Amino acid sequence: MHTLVIRSERQMALSPIKLEILEALLMCSKPAKAAEIAKDIGKDSKVVQMHLIGLTRTKDATSPEKGSYLISEKGKATIGLPEVTKTNALAILAQTPQEKAFHFYAGIGKPLNLCARDLLEFCEKMTKVNQDALEFHLYRGDFEAWFKSLGDMELAKKTELLKGRKVKPDELRSKLREIAENRCTELSKMAGQAVPAT
């Protein structure tokens, strides 16, 4: 199966390694050091450090403390993610009708009779789903598609990037849950809602 990839003009102007670095930063829930990013993407630490400095100059990354980096809102736009407003955050967090809920399956034609109608419920329900079901949905792109249907392009992108990494099966649940829970927290803050307990 081939996926059509549409890249922004800014994305095309970036070198492949800078794009890789921005995507690695997107996956970080806290500031990361150049050595961590280098290990994550399999590149030389000095080369990554040089590119991170360049990305901070272009304001695609920030350095909240010396030697640590985060992706900026401009960096998110560079990799094709739309800005999320309070209104968008509220819409993404809203409960969906039953027919638009995420329905968990163990495989094709094997429903688990478990569904999630919003992101918070998704985080809760995925703890009840076995490893094989998580892999089934992740590698088919089901999670990405549902997150996109909610209007959350950033969570869809993070899930796509997770799928492309060599995550050990026993780490998949915790990584996916961390990404989804961090996103729920971030969106709740943007929306001015109480931050969900995780």
Protein backbone atom coordinates (compact mmCIF):
# COMPACT_ATOMS: atom_id res chain seq x y z
CA MET A 1 0.00 0.00 0.00
CA HIS A 2 1.43 3.39 -1.00
CA THR A 3 0.61 6.57 0.84
CA LEU A 4 0.51 9.87 -1.03
CA VAL A 5 2.76 12.30 0.80
CA ILE A 6 2.19 15.99 0.22
CA ARG A 7 5.06 18.09 1.51
CA SER A 8 4.92 21.79 2.21
CA GLU A 9 7.26 24.19 0.44
CA ARG A 10 9.10 24.71 3.73
CA GLN A 11 9.44 20.93 4.21
CA MET A 12 10.94 20.55 0.76
CA ALA A 13 13.49 23.29 1.55
CA LEU A 14 14.70 21.35 4.61
CA SER A 15 17.44 18.78 4.33
CA PRO A 16 16.28 15.22 5.07
CA ILE A 17 18.26 15.16 8.33
CA LYS A 18 16.66 18.39 9.58
CA LEU A 19 13.24 16.94 8.81
CA GLU A 20 14.20 13.77 10.71
CA ILE A 21 15.39 15.87 13.66
CA LEU A 22 12.13 17.88 13.74
CA GLU A 23 10.10 14.66 13.64
CA ALA A 24 12.21 13.22 16.48
CA LEU A 25 11.64 16.42 18.49
CA LEU A 26 7.91 16.14 17.85
CA MET A 27 7.97 12.75 19.59
CA CYS A 28 9.66 14.21 22.70
CA SER A 29 7.41 15.10 25.61
CA LYS A 30 10.20 17.04 27.32
CA PRO A 31 13.36 18.85 26.16
CA ALA A 32 15.87 16.48 24.57
CA LYS A 33 19.64 16.63 24.25
CA ALA A 34 21.40 16.35 20.89
CA ALA A 35 22.87 12.96 21.90
CA GLU A 36 19.35 11.60 22.59
CA ILE A 37 18.07 12.80 19.23
CA ALA A 38 21.17 11.45 17.47
CA LYS A 39 20.67 8.02 19.05
CA ASP A 40 16.98 8.09 18.19
CA ILE A 41 17.56 8.78 14.49
CA GLY A 42 20.84 6.88 14.16
CA LYS A 43 23.02 9.87 13.26
CA ASP A 44 26.28 11.33 14.56
CA SER A 45 25.77 13.47 17.67
CA LYS A 46 27.97 16.35 16.43
CA VAL A 47 26.09 16.51 13.13
CA VAL A 48 22.75 16.54 14.95
CA GLN A 49 24.00 19.27 17.30
CA MET A 50 25.00 21.42 14.32
CA HIS A 51 21.56 20.99 12.72
CA LEU A 52 19.78 21.69 16.02
CA ILE A 53 21.63 25.00 16.28
CA GLY A 54 20.49 25.82 12.74
CA LEU A 55 16.91 24.84 13.58
CA THR A 56 16.93 27.14 16.61
CA ARG A 57 18.18 29.99 14.41
CA THR A 58 15.30 29.46 11.98
CA LYS A 59 12.96 29.20 15.01
CA ASP A 60 11.87 25.67 14.07
CA ALA A 61 13.20 24.50 17.45
CA THR A 62 13.66 26.15 20.82
CA SER A 63 16.27 25.61 23.48
CA PRO A 64 14.54 26.14 26.84
CA GLU A 65 17.79 25.27 28.63
CA LYS A 66 21.35 25.06 27.36
CA GLY A 67 21.86 21.89 25.34
CA SER A 68 18.20 20.79 25.36
CA TYR A 69 15.73 21.24 22.53
CA LEU A 70 12.00 21.19 21.75
CA ILE A 71 10.13 21.59 18.49
CA SER A 72 8.48 25.03 18.19
CA GLU A 73 5.08 25.89 16.77
CA LYS A 74 6.90 27.08 13.65
CA GLY A 75 8.69 23.72 13.49
CA LYS A 76 5.36 21.93 13.71
CA ALA A 77 4.09 24.07 10.83
CA THR A 78 7.26 23.27 8.89
CA ILE A 79 6.53 19.56 9.06
CA GLY A 80 2.96 20.19 7.93
CA LEU A 81 0.98 20.34 11.17
CA PRO A 82 -1.74 22.98 11.49
CA GLU A 83 -1.85 25.29 14.48
CA VAL A 84 -4.33 24.19 17.14
CA THR A 85 -6.54 26.86 18.68
CA LYS A 86 -8.71 26.60 21.78
CA THR A 87 -11.70 25.92 19.51
CA ASN A 88 -9.82 23.14 17.69
CA ALA A 89 -8.69 21.63 21.00
CA LEU A 90 -12.28 21.57 22.29
CA ALA A 91 -13.47 19.92 19.07
CA ILE A 92 -10.71 17.28 19.18
CA LEU A 93 -11.52 16.43 22.82
CA ALA A 94 -15.29 16.30 22.26
CA GLN A 95 -17.10 13.01 22.48
CA THR A 96 -18.02 11.54 19.09
CA PRO A 97 -21.30 9.84 18.20
CA GLN A 98 -21.23 6.05 18.67
CA GLU A 99 -20.91 5.42 14.92
CA LYS A 100 -17.70 7.52 14.81
CA ALA A 101 -16.17 5.92 17.91
CA PHE A 102 -12.97 3.89 17.66
CA HIS A 103 -13.88 0.20 17.73
CA PHE A 104 -11.12 -2.17 18.84
CA TYR A 105 -10.61 -5.44 16.98
CA ALA A 106 -8.32 -8.43 17.58
CA GLY A 107 -8.11 -8.87 13.81
CA ILE A 108 -10.25 -8.61 10.68
CA GLY A 109 -13.78 -9.68 11.57
CA LYS A 110 -12.86 -10.12 15.25
CA PRO A 111 -14.46 -7.27 17.23
CA LEU A 112 -13.55 -6.94 20.89
CA ASN A 113 -16.83 -5.15 21.75
CA LEU A 114 -14.80 -2.28 23.14
CA CYS A 115 -14.91 1.26 21.80
CA ALA A 116 -13.70 4.77 22.61
CA ARG A 117 -15.75 7.87 21.84
CA ASP A 118 -13.06 10.41 22.72
CA LEU A 119 -9.30 10.64 23.34
CA LEU A 120 -9.51 10.25 27.09
CA GLU A 121 -11.67 7.15 26.75
CA PHE A 122 -9.21 5.87 24.13
CA CYS A 123 -6.36 6.11 26.68
CA GLU A 124 -8.43 4.19 29.23
CA LYS A 125 -9.66 1.48 26.85
CA MET A 126 -6.31 0.73 25.26
CA THR A 127 -5.12 -0.67 28.61
CA LYS A 128 -7.82 -3.36 28.26
CA VAL A 129 -6.77 -4.40 24.76
CA ASN A 130 -4.18 -7.11 24.21
CA GLN A 131 -0.84 -6.47 22.51
CA ASP A 132 -1.84 -8.17 19.24
CA ALA A 133 -4.87 -5.90 18.87
CA LEU A 134 -2.72 -2.80 19.39
CA GLU A 135 -0.25 -3.98 16.75
CA PHE A 136 -3.11 -4.86 14.40
CA HIS A 137 -4.54 -1.33 14.59
CA LEU A 138 -1.21 0.53 14.61
CA TYR A 139 0.29 -1.15 11.55
CA ARG A 140 -2.95 -0.90 9.55
CA GLY A 141 -3.05 2.85 10.24
CA ASP A 142 -6.36 2.64 12.10
CA PHE A 143 -5.24 4.85 15.00
CA GLU A 144 -3.90 7.53 12.63
CA ALA A 145 -7.13 7.52 10.62
CA TRP A 146 -9.27 7.91 13.74
CA PHE A 147 -7.11 10.70 15.16
CA LYS A 148 -7.39 12.50 11.81
CA SER A 149 -11.17 12.06 11.89
CA LEU A 150 -11.14 13.84 15.27
CA GLY A 151 -9.16 16.67 13.65
CA ASP A 152 -5.92 15.89 15.50
CA MET A 153 -3.25 15.90 12.80
CA GLU A 154 -0.47 16.10 15.38
CA LEU A 155 -1.49 12.94 17.21
CA ALA A 156 -1.97 11.21 13.86
CA LYS A 157 1.57 12.27 12.83
CA LYS A 158 3.05 11.05 16.11
CA THR A 159 1.29 7.71 15.68
CA GLU A 160 2.59 7.46 12.11
CA LEU A 161 6.13 8.17 13.35
CA LEU A 162 5.75 5.58 16.12
CA LYS A 163 4.68 3.03 13.52
CA GLY A 164 7.86 3.74 11.54
CA ARG A 165 10.12 3.16 14.54
CA LYS A 166 11.39 -0.19 15.63
CA VAL A 167 9.40 -0.32 18.87
CA LYS A 168 9.65 -3.58 20.78
CA PRO A 169 6.23 -5.23 21.08
CA ASP A 170 6.34 -5.08 24.89
CA GLU A 171 7.01 -1.29 24.74
CA LEU A 172 4.31 -0.48 22.19
CA ARG A 173 1.45 -0.06 24.68
CA SER A 174 3.40 2.28 26.97
CA LYS A 175 4.71 4.38 24.04
CA LEU A 176 1.28 4.69 22.43
CA ARG A 177 -0.36 5.46 25.76
CA GLU A 178 2.29 8.07 26.61
CA ILE A 179 1.77 9.83 23.27
CA ALA A 180 -2.04 9.80 23.62
CA GLU A 181 -2.09 10.84 27.29
CA ASN A 182 0.42 13.67 26.74
CA ARG A 183 -1.74 14.89 23.88
CA CYS A 184 -4.90 14.77 26.05
CA THR A 185 -3.10 16.85 28.68
CA GLU A 186 -1.81 19.35 26.11
CA LEU A 187 -5.23 19.74 24.45
CA SER A 188 -6.99 20.07 27.82
CA LYS A 189 -4.67 22.93 28.77
CA MET A 190 -5.28 24.63 25.40
CA ALA A 191 -9.04 24.19 25.80
CA GLY A 192 -9.02 25.53 29.35
CA GLN A 193 -10.38 22.27 30.74
CA ALA A 194 -9.28 20.33 33.79
CA VAL A 195 -6.24 18.21 32.95
CA PRO A 196 -7.24 14.54 33.04
CA ALA A 197 -5.62 12.35 35.68
CA THR A 198 -3.54 9.65 34.06
